């Protein structure tokens, strides 16, 4: 089965177009290094929770929107190799190409796919 990396970030709503350009460029790089699919979703129905929620997890501010993303890889081995290359790629170096969001509040993880219908 495939392997999936998932991400949730809070993006300043005013940075939507900047984020879109960043995400499109990043998607091409991830695919260059073996990703099968990159999906970026701009939140429009992401409620605040009482105990936990996406907004709480990323400490979303009033002027921010939650973005939910995932990258599908053929396997964890391909992901591990591809991610090494992505992290070393100068096109995604945060010093020369900064995130259009606060990367310290990003939540992420890798997941073994167990059902795909």
N, C-alpha and C. Protein backbone atom coordinates (compact mmCIF):
# COMPACT_ATOMS: atom_id res chain seq x y z
N UNK A 1 0.84 -1.20 0.00
CA UNK A 1 0.00 0.00 0.00
C UNK A 1 0.87 1.24 0.00
N UNK A 2 0.28 2.33 -0.42
CA UNK A 2 0.98 3.61 -0.47
C UNK A 2 1.29 4.12 0.94
N UNK A 3 2.10 5.17 0.98
CA UNK A 3 2.46 5.84 2.23
C UNK A 3 2.03 7.30 2.09
N UNK A 4 1.58 7.91 3.18
CA UNK A 4 1.05 9.27 3.14
C UNK A 4 1.71 10.14 4.20
N UNK A 5 2.14 11.33 3.80
CA UNK A 5 2.55 12.37 4.74
C UNK A 5 1.41 13.35 4.84
N UNK A 6 1.00 13.71 6.06
CA UNK A 6 -0.08 14.65 6.27
C UNK A 6 0.42 15.90 6.99
N UNK A 7 -0.19 17.05 6.66
CA UNK A 7 0.22 18.33 7.22
C UNK A 7 -1.00 19.19 7.51
N UNK A 8 -0.93 19.96 8.60
CA UNK A 8 -1.93 20.98 8.89
C UNK A 8 -1.17 22.23 9.31
N UNK A 9 -1.51 23.37 8.69
CA UNK A 9 -0.87 24.64 9.01
C UNK A 9 -1.92 25.74 9.08
N UNK A 10 -1.56 26.82 9.76
CA UNK A 10 -2.38 28.03 9.77
C UNK A 10 -1.69 29.04 8.88
N UNK A 11 -2.37 29.47 7.83
CA UNK A 11 -1.80 30.41 6.86
C UNK A 11 -2.53 31.75 7.00
N UNK A 12 -1.78 32.85 7.07
CA UNK A 12 -2.48 34.14 7.06
C UNK A 12 -3.39 34.21 5.84
N UNK A 13 -4.64 34.51 6.07
CA UNK A 13 -5.63 34.52 5.00
C UNK A 13 -5.20 35.45 3.87
N UNK A 14 -4.54 36.54 4.20
CA UNK A 14 -4.07 37.48 3.19
C UNK A 14 -2.98 36.87 2.31
N UNK A 15 -2.37 35.78 2.75
CA UNK A 15 -1.30 35.12 1.99
C UNK A 15 -1.81 33.97 1.11
N UNK A 16 -3.11 33.91 0.87
CA UNK A 16 -3.65 32.77 0.10
C UNK A 16 -2.95 32.60 -1.25
N UNK A 17 -2.84 33.65 -2.04
CA UNK A 17 -2.22 33.54 -3.36
C UNK A 17 -0.73 33.21 -3.25
N UNK A 18 -0.07 33.80 -2.29
CA UNK A 18 1.35 33.51 -2.05
C UNK A 18 1.51 32.03 -1.67
N UNK A 19 0.62 31.53 -0.80
CA UNK A 19 0.66 30.13 -0.40
C UNK A 19 0.40 29.22 -1.61
N UNK A 20 -0.57 29.60 -2.42
CA UNK A 20 -0.90 28.80 -3.60
C UNK A 20 0.31 28.66 -4.52
N UNK A 21 1.01 29.75 -4.78
CA UNK A 21 2.21 29.68 -5.63
C UNK A 21 3.29 28.81 -4.97
N UNK A 22 3.48 28.97 -3.66
CA UNK A 22 4.47 28.18 -2.93
C UNK A 22 4.10 26.69 -3.01
N UNK A 23 2.83 26.38 -2.79
CA UNK A 23 2.37 24.99 -2.80
C UNK A 23 2.49 24.36 -4.19
N UNK A 24 2.16 25.11 -5.22
CA UNK A 24 2.28 24.58 -6.59
C UNK A 24 3.73 24.28 -6.93
N UNK A 25 4.63 25.17 -6.57
CA UNK A 25 6.06 24.94 -6.83
C UNK A 25 6.55 23.75 -6.00
N UNK A 26 6.14 23.69 -4.75
CA UNK A 26 6.54 22.57 -3.89
C UNK A 26 6.01 21.25 -4.40
N UNK A 27 4.77 21.23 -4.88
CA UNK A 27 4.19 19.99 -5.40
C UNK A 27 5.01 19.44 -6.55
N UNK A 28 5.45 20.31 -7.43
CA UNK A 28 6.27 19.86 -8.56
C UNK A 28 7.58 19.23 -8.07
N UNK A 29 8.16 19.82 -7.03
CA UNK A 29 9.41 19.29 -6.49
C UNK A 29 9.17 17.94 -5.83
N UNK A 30 8.13 17.82 -5.03
CA UNK A 30 7.82 16.53 -4.40
C UNK A 30 7.59 15.45 -5.45
N UNK A 31 6.88 15.78 -6.50
CA UNK A 31 6.62 14.80 -7.56
C UNK A 31 7.91 14.44 -8.30
N UNK A 32 8.79 15.41 -8.46
CA UNK A 32 10.09 15.15 -9.09
C UNK A 32 10.88 14.09 -8.31
N UNK A 33 10.67 14.06 -6.99
CA UNK A 33 11.41 13.13 -6.14
C UNK A 33 10.59 11.90 -5.73
N UNK A 34 9.52 11.61 -6.47
CA UNK A 34 8.84 10.34 -6.29
C UNK A 34 7.43 10.36 -5.74
N UNK A 35 6.92 11.52 -5.31
CA UNK A 35 5.54 11.57 -4.81
C UNK A 35 4.57 11.27 -5.94
N UNK A 36 3.51 10.56 -5.63
CA UNK A 36 2.48 10.26 -6.61
C UNK A 36 1.47 11.39 -6.74
N UNK A 37 1.17 12.04 -5.60
CA UNK A 37 0.14 13.07 -5.58
C UNK A 37 0.41 14.02 -4.42
N UNK A 38 0.15 15.29 -4.65
CA UNK A 38 0.22 16.30 -3.60
C UNK A 38 -1.12 17.02 -3.59
N UNK A 39 -1.76 17.07 -2.43
CA UNK A 39 -3.08 17.71 -2.31
C UNK A 39 -3.00 18.81 -1.27
N UNK A 40 -3.48 19.98 -1.62
CA UNK A 40 -3.54 21.13 -0.73
C UNK A 40 -4.99 21.57 -0.62
N UNK A 41 -5.50 21.73 0.60
CA UNK A 41 -6.91 22.09 0.81
C UNK A 41 -7.01 23.31 1.71
N UNK A 42 -7.65 24.37 1.21
CA UNK A 42 -7.85 25.62 1.93
C UNK A 42 -9.14 25.49 2.74
N UNK A 43 -9.05 25.62 4.04
CA UNK A 43 -10.20 25.41 4.91
C UNK A 43 -11.31 26.43 4.71
N UNK A 44 -12.55 25.95 4.69
CA UNK A 44 -13.69 26.86 4.65
C UNK A 44 -14.81 26.41 5.57
N UNK A 45 -14.63 25.26 6.24
CA UNK A 45 -15.60 24.78 7.23
C UNK A 45 -14.81 24.00 8.28
N UNK A 46 -14.03 24.73 9.07
CA UNK A 46 -13.11 24.13 10.04
C UNK A 46 -13.45 24.70 11.41
N UNK A 47 -14.38 24.06 12.12
CA UNK A 47 -14.87 24.62 13.38
C UNK A 47 -13.86 24.55 14.51
N UNK A 48 -13.99 25.51 15.42
CA UNK A 48 -13.23 25.47 16.68
C UNK A 48 -13.80 24.34 17.53
N UNK A 49 -12.93 23.66 18.23
CA UNK A 49 -13.38 22.60 19.12
C UNK A 49 -13.42 23.07 20.55
N UNK A 50 -13.96 22.22 21.41
CA UNK A 50 -13.96 22.50 22.85
C UNK A 50 -12.79 21.80 23.52
N UNK A 51 -12.40 20.64 22.98
CA UNK A 51 -11.29 19.88 23.55
C UNK A 51 -10.11 19.88 22.59
N UNK A 52 -10.39 19.63 21.30
CA UNK A 52 -9.35 19.64 20.28
C UNK A 52 -9.97 19.95 18.93
N UNK A 53 -9.17 20.45 18.01
CA UNK A 53 -9.64 20.77 16.67
C UNK A 53 -8.44 21.15 15.83
N UNK A 54 -8.64 21.24 14.52
CA UNK A 54 -7.56 21.71 13.65
C UNK A 54 -7.12 23.12 14.05
N UNK A 55 -8.05 24.08 14.24
CA UNK A 55 -7.61 25.42 14.62
C UNK A 55 -6.81 25.44 15.92
N UNK A 56 -7.23 24.65 16.89
CA UNK A 56 -6.50 24.61 18.16
C UNK A 56 -5.12 23.98 17.98
N UNK A 57 -5.05 22.95 17.17
CA UNK A 57 -3.78 22.23 16.98
C UNK A 57 -2.70 23.13 16.40
N UNK A 58 -3.08 24.05 15.52
CA UNK A 58 -2.09 24.93 14.88
C UNK A 58 -2.14 26.35 15.45
N UNK A 59 -2.87 26.53 16.54
CA UNK A 59 -2.99 27.84 17.19
C UNK A 59 -3.39 28.92 16.19
N UNK A 60 -4.43 28.61 15.42
CA UNK A 60 -4.90 29.53 14.39
C UNK A 60 -5.33 30.86 15.01
N UNK A 61 -4.88 31.94 14.38
CA UNK A 61 -5.28 33.29 14.79
C UNK A 61 -6.48 33.72 13.96
N UNK A 62 -7.14 34.80 14.40
CA UNK A 62 -8.35 35.26 13.72
C UNK A 62 -8.15 35.58 12.25
N UNK A 63 -6.95 36.01 11.87
CA UNK A 63 -6.68 36.39 10.49
C UNK A 63 -6.01 35.27 9.69
N UNK A 64 -6.17 34.02 10.14
CA UNK A 64 -5.55 32.88 9.48
C UNK A 64 -6.59 31.85 9.07
N UNK A 65 -6.20 31.03 8.10
CA UNK A 65 -7.04 29.94 7.60
C UNK A 65 -6.27 28.64 7.76
N UNK A 66 -6.97 27.58 8.16
CA UNK A 66 -6.34 26.26 8.30
C UNK A 66 -6.21 25.63 6.92
N UNK A 67 -5.03 25.10 6.64
CA UNK A 67 -4.76 24.37 5.40
C UNK A 67 -4.42 22.93 5.77
N UNK A 68 -5.06 21.99 5.09
CA UNK A 68 -4.86 20.55 5.31
C UNK A 68 -4.28 19.99 4.02
N UNK A 69 -3.15 19.30 4.13
CA UNK A 69 -2.44 18.82 2.95
C UNK A 69 -1.98 17.39 3.16
N UNK A 70 -1.80 16.70 2.03
CA UNK A 70 -1.17 15.39 2.12
C UNK A 70 -0.41 15.09 0.85
N UNK A 71 0.58 14.23 1.02
CA UNK A 71 1.42 13.77 -0.10
C UNK A 71 1.36 12.26 -0.11
N UNK A 72 1.02 11.68 -1.24
CA UNK A 72 0.97 10.23 -1.37
C UNK A 72 2.23 9.75 -2.08
N UNK A 73 2.83 8.72 -1.51
CA UNK A 73 4.05 8.11 -2.04
C UNK A 73 3.77 6.64 -2.35
N UNK A 74 4.55 6.02 -3.24
CA UNK A 74 4.35 4.61 -3.54
C UNK A 74 4.67 3.69 -2.35
N UNK A 75 5.59 4.13 -1.47
CA UNK A 75 5.99 3.33 -0.32
C UNK A 75 6.73 4.23 0.66
N UNK A 76 6.93 3.73 1.88
CA UNK A 76 7.71 4.49 2.86
C UNK A 76 9.16 4.62 2.41
N UNK A 77 9.70 3.60 1.78
CA UNK A 77 11.09 3.66 1.31
C UNK A 77 11.26 4.77 0.27
N UNK A 78 10.32 4.88 -0.67
CA UNK A 78 10.38 5.94 -1.67
C UNK A 78 10.22 7.29 -0.99
N UNK A 79 9.31 7.36 -0.03
CA UNK A 79 9.12 8.61 0.72
C UNK A 79 10.38 9.02 1.46
N UNK A 80 11.03 8.07 2.15
CA UNK A 80 12.23 8.40 2.91
C UNK A 80 13.33 8.95 2.00
N UNK A 81 13.54 8.32 0.86
CA UNK A 81 14.54 8.80 -0.11
C UNK A 81 14.13 10.13 -0.72
N UNK A 82 12.86 10.22 -1.11
CA UNK A 82 12.37 11.45 -1.72
C UNK A 82 12.42 12.62 -0.76
N UNK A 83 12.05 12.39 0.49
CA UNK A 83 12.03 13.46 1.48
C UNK A 83 13.45 13.98 1.76
N UNK A 84 14.44 13.08 1.77
CA UNK A 84 15.83 13.52 1.92
C UNK A 84 16.20 14.50 0.80
N UNK A 85 15.81 14.15 -0.42
CA UNK A 85 16.13 15.01 -1.57
C UNK A 85 15.36 16.33 -1.50
N UNK A 86 14.10 16.27 -1.09
CA UNK A 86 13.30 17.49 -0.96
C UNK A 86 13.94 18.42 0.06
N UNK A 87 14.32 17.88 1.21
CA UNK A 87 14.90 18.70 2.27
C UNK A 87 16.25 19.31 1.86
N UNK A 88 16.96 18.67 0.96
CA UNK A 88 18.25 19.18 0.48
C UNK A 88 18.11 20.08 -0.74
N UNK A 89 16.93 20.14 -1.34
CA UNK A 89 16.74 20.91 -2.57
C UNK A 89 16.77 22.41 -2.27
N UNK A 90 17.67 23.15 -2.92
CA UNK A 90 17.78 24.59 -2.64
C UNK A 90 16.52 25.39 -3.01
N UNK A 91 15.66 24.85 -3.86
CA UNK A 91 14.44 25.56 -4.22
C UNK A 91 13.47 25.67 -3.06
N UNK A 92 13.62 24.79 -2.06
CA UNK A 92 12.73 24.83 -0.89
C UNK A 92 13.47 25.24 0.37
N UNK A 93 14.65 25.81 0.23
CA UNK A 93 15.41 26.28 1.39
C UNK A 93 14.66 27.45 2.03
N UNK A 94 14.26 27.32 3.31
CA UNK A 94 13.49 28.38 3.95
C UNK A 94 14.24 29.71 4.08
N UNK A 95 15.56 29.67 3.98
CA UNK A 95 16.31 30.93 4.06
C UNK A 95 16.17 31.75 2.77
N UNK A 96 16.06 31.08 1.64
CA UNK A 96 15.93 31.80 0.36
C UNK A 96 14.50 31.77 -0.17
N UNK A 97 13.70 30.84 0.31
CA UNK A 97 12.30 30.71 -0.11
C UNK A 97 11.45 30.48 1.14
N UNK A 98 11.22 31.53 1.94
CA UNK A 98 10.55 31.35 3.23
C UNK A 98 9.11 30.86 3.09
N UNK A 99 8.68 30.10 4.11
CA UNK A 99 7.30 29.66 4.19
C UNK A 99 6.38 30.87 4.24
N UNK A 100 5.21 30.81 3.60
CA UNK A 100 4.23 31.89 3.73
C UNK A 100 3.31 31.65 4.94
N UNK A 101 3.85 31.01 5.99
CA UNK A 101 3.12 30.71 7.22
C UNK A 101 4.17 30.46 8.31
N UNK A 102 3.72 30.32 9.55
CA UNK A 102 4.61 30.06 10.68
C UNK A 102 4.86 28.55 10.76
N UNK A 103 6.02 28.12 10.30
CA UNK A 103 6.36 26.70 10.27
C UNK A 103 6.44 26.05 11.65
N UNK A 104 6.62 26.84 12.70
CA UNK A 104 6.70 26.28 14.06
C UNK A 104 5.34 25.73 14.51
N UNK A 105 4.25 26.19 13.86
CA UNK A 105 2.92 25.73 14.25
C UNK A 105 2.37 24.66 13.30
N UNK A 106 3.21 24.16 12.41
CA UNK A 106 2.79 23.09 11.50
C UNK A 106 2.73 21.77 12.27
N UNK A 107 1.69 20.98 12.03
CA UNK A 107 1.68 19.61 12.54
C UNK A 107 1.78 18.68 11.34
N UNK A 108 2.49 17.60 11.51
CA UNK A 108 2.71 16.70 10.38
C UNK A 108 3.02 15.31 10.90
N UNK A 109 2.91 14.36 10.01
CA UNK A 109 3.25 12.99 10.33
C UNK A 109 3.17 12.11 9.10
N UNK A 110 3.82 10.95 9.20
CA UNK A 110 3.79 9.96 8.13
C UNK A 110 2.88 8.81 8.53
N UNK A 111 2.14 8.31 7.56
CA UNK A 111 1.12 7.31 7.84
C UNK A 111 1.16 6.16 6.84
N UNK A 112 1.10 4.97 7.36
CA UNK A 112 0.95 3.78 6.53
C UNK A 112 -0.52 3.65 6.15
N UNK A 113 -0.81 3.60 4.88
CA UNK A 113 -2.19 3.49 4.43
C UNK A 113 -2.67 2.07 4.72
N UNK A 114 -3.83 1.96 5.38
CA UNK A 114 -4.36 0.64 5.69
C UNK A 114 -5.71 0.36 5.01
N UNK A 115 -6.39 1.43 4.55
CA UNK A 115 -7.61 1.25 3.75
C UNK A 115 -7.61 2.31 2.67
N UNK A 116 -7.93 1.88 1.46
CA UNK A 116 -8.11 2.80 0.35
C UNK A 116 -9.28 2.27 -0.47
N UNK A 117 -10.38 3.00 -0.45
CA UNK A 117 -11.60 2.51 -1.11
C UNK A 117 -11.93 3.36 -2.31
